[in-house]
Amino acid sequence: MLGNSTAFYSFMEIPLFSRERFSISSFNDGGLAYVSKKYHYEYNPENVDISTNFNFYFKKDFVFKYSFNNEKIFANASLGLIHYSNGS
């Protein structure tokens, strides 16, 4: 129904909070995406979300990072949102 997407985008990391071993940062991505299956009244009527093959791609992530004793060993957890928009 929704198909696959391929995106060409750039990203930027913005540090929000940092302590000795813990940090929070924001990743912002934006670019152009191609979606393989768009809405068609006969062949794909269930897909009412995507009306064009080319769309704007936006992704927002909040990344939580904890460094262990050695700074080369760390754990990440993230929470994010991806949005495709054709501008309508």
N, C-alpha and C. Protein backbone atom coordinates (compact mmCIF):
# COMPACT_ATOMS: atom_id res chain seq x y z
N MET A 1 0.82 -1.19 0.00
CA MET A 1 0.00 0.00 0.00
C MET A 1 0.87 1.26 0.00
N LEU A 2 1.83 1.38 0.94
CA LEU A 2 2.64 2.59 1.00
C LEU A 2 3.92 2.50 0.19
N GLY A 3 4.41 1.31 -0.11
CA GLY A 3 5.61 1.17 -0.91
C GLY A 3 6.88 1.42 -0.11
N ASN A 4 7.95 1.72 -0.84
CA ASN A 4 9.25 1.98 -0.23
C ASN A 4 9.65 3.43 -0.49
N SER A 5 10.54 3.92 0.34
CA SER A 5 11.04 5.28 0.14
C SER A 5 12.55 5.28 0.13
N THR A 6 13.10 6.19 -0.64
CA THR A 6 14.53 6.44 -0.70
C THR A 6 14.71 7.94 -0.56
N ALA A 7 15.61 8.35 0.32
CA ALA A 7 15.76 9.79 0.58
C ALA A 7 17.21 10.22 0.41
N PHE A 8 17.40 11.42 -0.12
CA PHE A 8 18.68 12.08 -0.20
C PHE A 8 18.57 13.31 0.71
N TYR A 9 19.35 13.34 1.79
CA TYR A 9 19.16 14.39 2.79
C TYR A 9 20.48 14.75 3.46
N SER A 10 20.47 15.87 4.14
CA SER A 10 21.59 16.27 4.98
C SER A 10 21.08 16.30 6.43
N PHE A 11 22.02 16.27 7.36
CA PHE A 11 21.61 16.30 8.77
C PHE A 11 22.54 17.20 9.56
N MET A 12 22.05 17.59 10.73
CA MET A 12 22.79 18.45 11.63
C MET A 12 22.50 18.01 13.06
N GLU A 13 23.55 17.91 13.86
CA GLU A 13 23.38 17.57 15.28
C GLU A 13 23.53 18.84 16.10
N ILE A 14 22.58 19.06 17.02
CA ILE A 14 22.61 20.21 17.91
C ILE A 14 22.69 19.70 19.35
N PRO A 15 23.80 19.94 20.05
CA PRO A 15 23.89 19.53 21.45
C PRO A 15 22.92 20.35 22.30
N LEU A 16 22.15 19.67 23.15
CA LEU A 16 21.17 20.35 24.00
C LEU A 16 21.58 20.36 25.47
N PHE A 17 22.20 19.27 25.92
CA PHE A 17 22.52 19.12 27.34
C PHE A 17 23.71 18.17 27.45
N SER A 18 24.65 18.49 28.34
CA SER A 18 25.81 17.62 28.50
C SER A 18 26.32 17.68 29.93
N ARG A 19 26.56 16.52 30.47
CA ARG A 19 27.21 16.37 31.77
C ARG A 19 28.40 15.44 31.57
N GLU A 20 29.03 15.03 32.65
CA GLU A 20 30.26 14.24 32.56
C GLU A 20 30.09 12.99 31.68
N ARG A 21 29.06 12.19 31.90
CA ARG A 21 28.88 10.95 31.13
C ARG A 21 27.59 10.91 30.32
N PHE A 22 26.74 11.88 30.48
CA PHE A 22 25.41 11.84 29.87
C PHE A 22 25.21 13.07 28.99
N SER A 23 24.62 12.87 27.82
CA SER A 23 24.33 14.02 26.95
C SER A 23 23.03 13.79 26.18
N ILE A 24 22.40 14.87 25.80
CA ILE A 24 21.20 14.85 24.96
C ILE A 24 21.45 15.77 23.78
N SER A 25 21.16 15.30 22.59
CA SER A 25 21.32 16.13 21.41
C SER A 25 20.13 15.93 20.48
N SER A 26 19.99 16.86 19.56
CA SER A 26 18.90 16.83 18.59
C SER A 26 19.51 16.65 17.20
N PHE A 27 19.00 15.68 16.45
CA PHE A 27 19.40 15.49 15.06
C PHE A 27 18.26 15.98 14.18
N ASN A 28 18.58 16.83 13.22
CA ASN A 28 17.59 17.37 12.29
C ASN A 28 18.01 16.98 10.87
N ASP A 29 17.17 16.25 10.17
CA ASP A 29 17.44 15.81 8.81
C ASP A 29 16.41 16.43 7.88
N GLY A 30 16.83 16.76 6.67
CA GLY A 30 15.89 17.27 5.69
C GLY A 30 16.42 17.05 4.28
N GLY A 31 15.52 16.74 3.35
CA GLY A 31 15.94 16.52 1.98
C GLY A 31 14.80 16.09 1.09
N LEU A 32 15.16 15.42 0.00
CA LEU A 32 14.20 14.98 -1.01
C LEU A 32 14.04 13.47 -0.93
N ALA A 33 12.80 12.99 -1.01
CA ALA A 33 12.52 11.56 -0.96
C ALA A 33 11.72 11.12 -2.18
N TYR A 34 11.95 9.88 -2.58
CA TYR A 34 11.17 9.25 -3.64
C TYR A 34 10.37 8.12 -3.00
N VAL A 35 9.06 8.13 -3.17
CA VAL A 35 8.17 7.10 -2.63
C VAL A 35 7.64 6.28 -3.80
N SER A 36 7.79 4.95 -3.72
CA SER A 36 7.50 4.10 -4.88
C SER A 36 6.02 3.95 -5.19
N LYS A 37 5.15 4.00 -4.20
CA LYS A 37 3.72 3.82 -4.45
C LYS A 37 2.94 5.04 -3.99
N LYS A 38 2.34 5.74 -4.93
CA LYS A 38 1.51 6.90 -4.58
C LYS A 38 0.04 6.52 -4.74
N TYR A 39 -0.83 7.44 -4.35
CA TYR A 39 -2.26 7.22 -4.47
C TYR A 39 -2.67 7.09 -5.94
N HIS A 40 -3.52 6.12 -6.21
CA HIS A 40 -4.16 5.98 -7.52
C HIS A 40 -5.56 5.43 -7.26
N TYR A 41 -6.56 6.06 -7.80
CA TYR A 41 -7.95 5.70 -7.48
C TYR A 41 -8.28 4.26 -7.83
N GLU A 42 -7.59 3.66 -8.82
CA GLU A 42 -7.90 2.30 -9.23
C GLU A 42 -6.90 1.29 -8.68
N TYR A 43 -5.59 1.57 -8.75
CA TYR A 43 -4.56 0.59 -8.40
C TYR A 43 -4.10 0.65 -6.94
N ASN A 44 -4.26 1.77 -6.30
CA ASN A 44 -3.82 1.91 -4.91
C ASN A 44 -4.76 2.87 -4.15
N PRO A 45 -6.05 2.55 -4.04
CA PRO A 45 -7.00 3.48 -3.42
C PRO A 45 -6.85 3.61 -1.90
N GLU A 46 -6.18 2.64 -1.24
CA GLU A 46 -6.03 2.70 0.22
C GLU A 46 -5.01 3.75 0.65
N ASN A 47 -4.08 4.08 -0.23
CA ASN A 47 -3.02 5.03 0.12
C ASN A 47 -3.51 6.44 -0.14
N VAL A 48 -4.15 7.05 0.84
CA VAL A 48 -4.64 8.42 0.70
C VAL A 48 -3.62 9.43 1.24
N ASP A 49 -2.46 8.96 1.72
CA ASP A 49 -1.46 9.84 2.31
C ASP A 49 -0.45 10.39 1.31
N ILE A 50 -0.03 9.59 0.35
CA ILE A 50 1.04 9.98 -0.57
C ILE A 50 0.44 10.21 -1.95
N SER A 51 0.50 11.46 -2.44
CA SER A 51 -0.12 11.76 -3.74
C SER A 51 0.90 12.02 -4.84
N THR A 52 2.19 12.12 -4.50
CA THR A 52 3.23 12.31 -5.51
C THR A 52 4.40 11.38 -5.19
N ASN A 53 5.18 11.04 -6.22
CA ASN A 53 6.35 10.19 -5.99
C ASN A 53 7.46 10.95 -5.28
N PHE A 54 7.66 12.24 -5.60
CA PHE A 54 8.72 13.02 -4.97
C PHE A 54 8.13 13.86 -3.84
N ASN A 55 8.78 13.81 -2.69
CA ASN A 55 8.30 14.47 -1.48
C ASN A 55 9.46 15.08 -0.72
N PHE A 56 9.13 16.01 0.18
CA PHE A 56 10.11 16.53 1.12
C PHE A 56 10.22 15.54 2.27
N TYR A 57 11.44 15.25 2.69
CA TYR A 57 11.71 14.33 3.79
C TYR A 57 12.21 15.13 4.99
N PHE A 58 11.63 14.89 6.16
CA PHE A 58 12.06 15.54 7.39
C PHE A 58 12.11 14.51 8.51
N LYS A 59 13.18 14.55 9.28
CA LYS A 59 13.32 13.64 10.41
C LYS A 59 13.88 14.42 11.60
N LYS A 60 13.29 14.22 12.76
CA LYS A 60 13.71 14.88 14.00
C LYS A 60 13.96 13.78 15.03
N ASP A 61 15.17 13.74 15.58
CA ASP A 61 15.53 12.75 16.60
C ASP A 61 16.08 13.45 17.83
N PHE A 62 15.76 12.91 18.99
CA PHE A 62 16.42 13.28 20.23
C PHE A 62 17.24 12.08 20.65
N VAL A 63 18.55 12.28 20.81
CA VAL A 63 19.46 11.18 21.11
C VAL A 63 20.00 11.35 22.53
N PHE A 64 19.86 10.30 23.31
CA PHE A 64 20.35 10.25 24.69
C PHE A 64 21.58 9.35 24.70
N LYS A 65 22.70 9.87 25.14
CA LYS A 65 23.96 9.13 25.10
C LYS A 65 24.55 9.02 26.50
N TYR A 66 24.97 7.80 26.87
CA TYR A 66 25.64 7.56 28.14
C TYR A 66 26.99 6.93 27.86
N SER A 67 28.07 7.56 28.35
CA SER A 67 29.42 7.03 28.17
C SER A 67 29.81 6.24 29.42
N PHE A 68 30.38 5.07 29.19
CA PHE A 68 30.86 4.25 30.29
C PHE A 68 32.26 4.73 30.70
N ASN A 69 33.00 3.96 31.48
CA ASN A 69 34.32 4.38 31.96
C ASN A 69 35.23 4.82 30.83
N ASN A 70 35.25 4.07 29.78
CA ASN A 70 36.06 4.40 28.61
C ASN A 70 35.18 5.19 27.65
N GLU A 71 35.63 6.34 27.18
CA GLU A 71 34.79 7.18 26.32
C GLU A 71 34.49 6.53 24.98
N LYS A 72 35.22 5.48 24.63
CA LYS A 72 34.97 4.78 23.37
C LYS A 72 33.80 3.81 23.47
N ILE A 73 33.34 3.53 24.67
CA ILE A 73 32.21 2.62 24.88
C ILE A 73 31.05 3.45 25.43
N PHE A 74 29.94 3.44 24.67
CA PHE A 74 28.78 4.23 25.10
C PHE A 74 27.51 3.56 24.63
N ALA A 75 26.39 3.99 25.19
CA ALA A 75 25.07 3.49 24.81
C ALA A 75 24.23 4.68 24.34
N ASN A 76 23.49 4.46 23.28
CA ASN A 76 22.59 5.48 22.73
C ASN A 76 21.16 4.99 22.78
N ALA A 77 20.24 5.90 22.99
CA ALA A 77 18.81 5.65 22.82
C ALA A 77 18.25 6.88 22.13
N SER A 78 17.32 6.67 21.23
CA SER A 78 16.78 7.83 20.52
C SER A 78 15.27 7.73 20.39
N LEU A 79 14.67 8.89 20.24
CA LEU A 79 13.24 9.03 20.05
C LEU A 79 13.06 9.99 18.88
N GLY A 80 12.31 9.58 17.86
CA GLY A 80 12.24 10.44 16.69
C GLY A 80 10.93 10.35 15.93
N LEU A 81 10.85 11.21 14.92
CA LEU A 81 9.68 11.32 14.06
C LEU A 81 10.15 11.52 12.62
N ILE A 82 9.55 10.80 11.68
CA ILE A 82 9.83 10.97 10.25
C ILE A 82 8.55 11.47 9.58
N HIS A 83 8.71 12.44 8.68
CA HIS A 83 7.55 13.01 7.99
C HIS A 83 7.88 13.18 6.51
N TYR A 84 6.97 12.76 5.66
CA TYR A 84 7.05 12.99 4.22
C TYR A 84 5.95 13.96 3.84
N SER A 85 6.30 14.99 3.05
CA SER A 85 5.31 15.99 2.70
C SER A 85 5.45 16.38 1.24
N ASN A 86 4.31 16.45 0.54
CA ASN A 86 4.34 16.93 -0.84
C ASN A 86 3.94 18.40 -0.92
N GLY A 87 3.74 19.03 0.22
CA GLY A 87 3.47 20.46 0.26
C GLY A 87 2.02 20.86 0.12
N SER A 88 1.12 19.91 0.04
CA SER A 88 -0.30 20.30 -0.10
C SER A 88 -1.00 20.30 1.23
